[in-house]
Amino acid sequence: MNIDLRNINSDFESAILKIKKAYNFKTNTQALEHACTRYLEIVLKFEKESHEHTQRTLQYYDLLDQVENYFEVKEKLKSRVKQK
């Protein structure tokens, strides 16, 4: 994967927007997972190249927590529907 660190902020913002868009629609979980994975790749590449732990990393983990919570809720709802 090739990430240009000169454009890292736009890469971050683009990835965040894709995560939020996929999360808000809640229909295409594959797109959501892909967006999260892409963001994590950017964060890890940035940390490797810059040798620093950034606020962006924390922001990613916060977003990931929200996403994971969504998947947990979705699974609970599915199991309730199956029980009825």
Protein backbone atom coordinates (compact mmCIF):
# COMPACT_ATOMS: atom_id res chain seq x y z
CA MET A 1 0.00 0.00 0.00
CA ASN A 2 1.30 3.42 -0.91
CA ILE A 3 0.39 6.28 1.38
CA ASP A 4 1.89 9.70 0.73
CA LEU A 5 2.49 11.34 4.09
CA ARG A 6 2.19 14.79 2.51
CA ASN A 7 -1.51 14.07 1.94
CA ILE A 8 -2.05 12.22 5.20
CA ASN A 9 -4.65 14.64 6.57
CA SER A 10 -6.87 14.29 3.52
CA ASP A 11 -6.42 10.51 3.70
CA PHE A 12 -7.49 10.56 7.34
CA GLU A 13 -10.49 12.78 6.67
CA SER A 14 -11.58 10.73 3.68
CA ALA A 15 -11.37 7.49 5.65
CA ILE A 16 -13.28 8.98 8.59
CA LEU A 17 -16.04 10.22 6.29
CA LYS A 18 -16.33 6.78 4.68
CA ILE A 19 -16.58 5.13 8.11
CA LYS A 20 -19.24 7.57 9.27
CA LYS A 21 -21.20 7.27 6.02
CA ALA A 22 -21.17 3.46 6.14
CA TYR A 23 -21.99 3.51 9.85
CA ASN A 24 -24.92 5.90 9.41
CA PHE A 25 -26.51 3.80 6.66
CA LYS A 26 -25.95 0.56 8.61
CA THR A 27 -26.82 -1.49 5.55
CA ASN A 28 -23.50 -2.42 4.04
CA THR A 29 -21.41 -3.91 6.82
CA GLN A 30 -18.74 -4.94 4.31
CA ALA A 31 -18.22 -1.30 3.30
CA LEU A 32 -18.02 -0.34 6.96
CA GLU A 33 -15.42 -3.00 7.70
CA HIS A 34 -13.43 -1.99 4.62
CA ALA A 35 -13.49 1.69 5.63
CA CYS A 36 -12.32 0.84 9.16
CA THR A 37 -9.55 -1.37 7.84
CA ARG A 38 -8.39 1.33 5.44
CA TYR A 39 -8.30 3.90 8.23
CA LEU A 40 -6.30 1.60 10.47
CA GLU A 41 -3.81 0.97 7.65
CA ILE A 42 -3.35 4.73 7.25
CA VAL A 43 -2.88 5.21 11.00
CA LEU A 44 -0.33 2.40 11.27
CA LYS A 45 1.58 3.62 8.21
CA PHE A 46 1.64 7.14 9.63
CA GLU A 47 2.88 5.95 13.01
CA LYS A 48 5.56 3.81 11.40
CA GLU A 49 6.79 6.66 9.22
CA SER A 50 6.57 9.41 11.82
CA HIS A 51 7.46 7.38 14.92
CA GLU A 52 4.74 8.97 16.97
CA HIS A 53 1.48 7.93 18.53
CA THR A 54 -1.07 10.41 17.29
CA GLN A 55 -4.43 11.73 18.34
CA ARG A 56 -5.67 10.18 15.10
CA THR A 57 -4.98 6.73 16.51
CA LEU A 58 -7.14 7.45 19.53
CA GLN A 59 -9.83 8.85 17.24
CA TYR A 60 -9.71 5.64 15.22
CA TYR A 61 -10.10 3.48 18.31
CA ASP A 62 -13.08 5.58 19.43
CA LEU A 63 -14.69 5.10 16.03
CA LEU A 64 -13.92 1.40 16.12
CA ASP A 65 -15.59 1.10 19.54
CA GLN A 66 -18.72 2.69 18.09
CA VAL A 67 -18.64 0.34 15.14
CA GLU A 68 -18.11 -2.72 17.34
CA ASN A 69 -20.99 -1.61 19.56
CA TYR A 70 -23.18 -1.38 16.47
CA PHE A 71 -22.29 -4.92 15.41
CA GLU A 72 -22.96 -6.21 18.93
CA VAL A 73 -26.36 -4.55 19.02
CA LYS A 74 -27.14 -5.86 15.54
CA GLU A 75 -26.29 -9.43 16.59
CA LYS A 76 -28.42 -9.15 19.74
CA LEU A 77 -31.36 -7.93 17.66
CA LYS A 78 -30.91 -10.79 15.21
CA SER A 79 -30.93 -13.36 18.00
CA ARG A 80 -34.08 -11.83 19.52
CA VAL A 81 -35.86 -12.02 16.18
CA LYS A 82 -34.86 -15.66 15.77
CA GLN A 83 -36.17 -16.51 19.26
CA LYS A 84 -39.65 -15.16 18.55
